Amino acid sequence: MSSSAAQIYYSDKYEDEEYEYRWSCYAAKRPSSFGSKKSSDVGE
């Protein structure tokens, strides 16, 4: 869920296909890490 929101936000902010592709790759490559890090940071 978090990754989705971030992707949409970045996509809307940086209307760049290349950037979107890179972000998508990064999120797809480390989806668990991203979510885990975010949750840890928040302290849930």
N, C-alpha and C. Protein backbone atom coordinates (compact mmCIF):
# COMPACT_ATOMS: atom_id res chain seq x y z
N MET A 1 0.84 -1.20 0.00
CA MET A 1 0.00 0.00 0.00
C MET A 1 0.88 1.26 0.00
N SER A 2 1.83 1.27 0.88
CA SER A 2 2.72 2.44 0.98
C SER A 2 3.44 2.67 -0.33
N SER A 3 3.99 1.57 -0.88
CA SER A 3 4.75 1.69 -2.12
C SER A 3 3.84 2.27 -3.22
N SER A 4 2.58 1.83 -3.25
CA SER A 4 1.65 2.30 -4.28
C SER A 4 1.47 3.81 -4.16
N ALA A 5 1.23 4.27 -2.96
CA ALA A 5 1.02 5.71 -2.74
C ALA A 5 2.25 6.48 -3.18
N ALA A 6 3.41 5.97 -2.78
CA ALA A 6 4.66 6.66 -3.13
C ALA A 6 4.82 6.69 -4.65
N GLN A 7 4.52 5.58 -5.28
CA GLN A 7 4.68 5.51 -6.74
C GLN A 7 3.78 6.55 -7.40
N ILE A 8 2.55 6.62 -6.97
CA ILE A 8 1.60 7.57 -7.57
C ILE A 8 2.08 9.00 -7.33
N TYR A 9 2.52 9.29 -6.12
CA TYR A 9 2.99 10.64 -5.78
C TYR A 9 4.17 11.03 -6.66
N TYR A 10 5.15 10.15 -6.73
CA TYR A 10 6.34 10.44 -7.53
C TYR A 10 5.96 10.56 -9.00
N SER A 11 5.09 9.66 -9.44
CA SER A 11 4.68 9.67 -10.86
C SER A 11 4.04 11.01 -11.20
N ASP A 12 3.20 11.49 -10.31
CA ASP A 12 2.50 12.75 -10.56
C ASP A 12 3.47 13.93 -10.47
N LYS A 13 4.42 13.81 -9.56
CA LYS A 13 5.36 14.91 -9.37
C LYS A 13 6.39 14.94 -10.50
N TYR A 14 6.92 13.78 -10.81
CA TYR A 14 7.93 13.70 -11.88
C TYR A 14 7.32 13.00 -13.09
N GLU A 15 6.62 13.78 -13.90
CA GLU A 15 6.00 13.18 -15.09
C GLU A 15 7.07 12.74 -16.08
N ASP A 16 7.88 11.80 -15.65
CA ASP A 16 8.96 11.31 -16.51
C ASP A 16 8.88 9.79 -16.62
N GLU A 17 8.82 9.29 -17.83
CA GLU A 17 8.72 7.84 -18.01
C GLU A 17 9.95 7.15 -17.45
N GLU A 18 11.11 7.71 -17.75
CA GLU A 18 12.36 7.09 -17.28
C GLU A 18 12.36 7.01 -15.76
N TYR A 19 12.00 8.11 -15.12
CA TYR A 19 12.00 8.14 -13.65
C TYR A 19 10.98 7.14 -13.11
N GLU A 20 9.81 7.12 -13.73
CA GLU A 20 8.77 6.21 -13.28
C GLU A 20 9.25 4.76 -13.40
N TYR A 21 9.90 4.49 -14.53
CA TYR A 21 10.39 3.12 -14.76
C TYR A 21 11.41 2.74 -13.68
N ARG A 22 12.30 3.65 -13.41
CA ARG A 22 13.34 3.39 -12.39
C ARG A 22 12.69 3.17 -11.03
N TRP A 23 11.75 4.01 -10.68
CA TRP A 23 11.08 3.88 -9.38
C TRP A 23 10.35 2.55 -9.30
N SER A 24 9.68 2.20 -10.42
CA SER A 24 8.94 0.94 -10.47
C SER A 24 9.90 -0.23 -10.24
N CYS A 25 11.03 -0.17 -10.91
CA CYS A 25 12.04 -1.24 -10.78
C CYS A 25 12.51 -1.31 -9.33
N TYR A 26 12.80 -0.18 -8.75
CA TYR A 26 13.28 -0.14 -7.37
C TYR A 26 12.23 -0.71 -6.41
N ALA A 27 11.01 -0.29 -6.57
CA ALA A 27 9.93 -0.76 -5.69
C ALA A 27 9.71 -2.26 -5.89
N ALA A 28 9.77 -2.70 -7.14
CA ALA A 28 9.53 -4.12 -7.43
C ALA A 28 10.71 -4.97 -6.93
N LYS A 29 11.89 -4.37 -6.98
CA LYS A 29 13.08 -5.11 -6.55
C LYS A 29 13.11 -5.27 -5.03
N ARG A 30 12.77 -4.21 -4.31
CA ARG A 30 12.81 -4.27 -2.85
C ARG A 30 11.49 -3.77 -2.26
N PRO A 31 10.39 -4.50 -2.51
CA PRO A 31 9.09 -4.11 -1.96
C PRO A 31 9.03 -4.34 -0.45
N SER A 32 9.55 -5.48 -0.03
CA SER A 32 9.55 -5.81 1.41
C SER A 32 10.41 -4.81 2.17
N SER A 33 11.59 -4.55 1.64
CA SER A 33 12.51 -3.64 2.30
C SER A 33 11.85 -2.27 2.48
N PHE A 34 11.23 -1.79 1.41
CA PHE A 34 10.61 -0.47 1.47
C PHE A 34 9.55 -0.41 2.57
N GLY A 35 8.63 -1.36 2.52
CA GLY A 35 7.56 -1.38 3.52
C GLY A 35 8.12 -1.56 4.92
N SER A 36 9.08 -2.47 5.05
CA SER A 36 9.66 -2.74 6.36
C SER A 36 10.31 -1.48 6.91
N LYS A 37 11.07 -0.83 6.07
CA LYS A 37 11.79 0.37 6.51
C LYS A 37 10.78 1.44 6.95
N LYS A 38 9.75 1.61 6.16
CA LYS A 38 8.75 2.64 6.48
C LYS A 38 8.09 2.30 7.84
N SER A 39 7.68 1.06 8.00
CA SER A 39 7.03 0.67 9.24
C SER A 39 7.97 0.87 10.42
N SER A 40 9.21 0.46 10.22
CA SER A 40 10.20 0.59 11.29
C SER A 40 10.39 2.06 11.64
N ASP A 41 10.48 2.88 10.60
CA ASP A 41 10.71 4.31 10.82
C ASP A 41 9.56 4.90 11.65
N VAL A 42 8.35 4.51 11.29
CA VAL A 42 7.18 5.03 11.99
C VAL A 42 7.16 4.50 13.43
N GLY A 43 7.61 3.25 13.58
CA GLY A 43 7.64 2.66 14.92
C GLY A 43 6.35 1.93 15.22
N GLU A 44 5.77 1.31 14.19
CA GLU A 44 4.52 0.59 14.39
C GLU A 44 4.81 -0.77 15.01
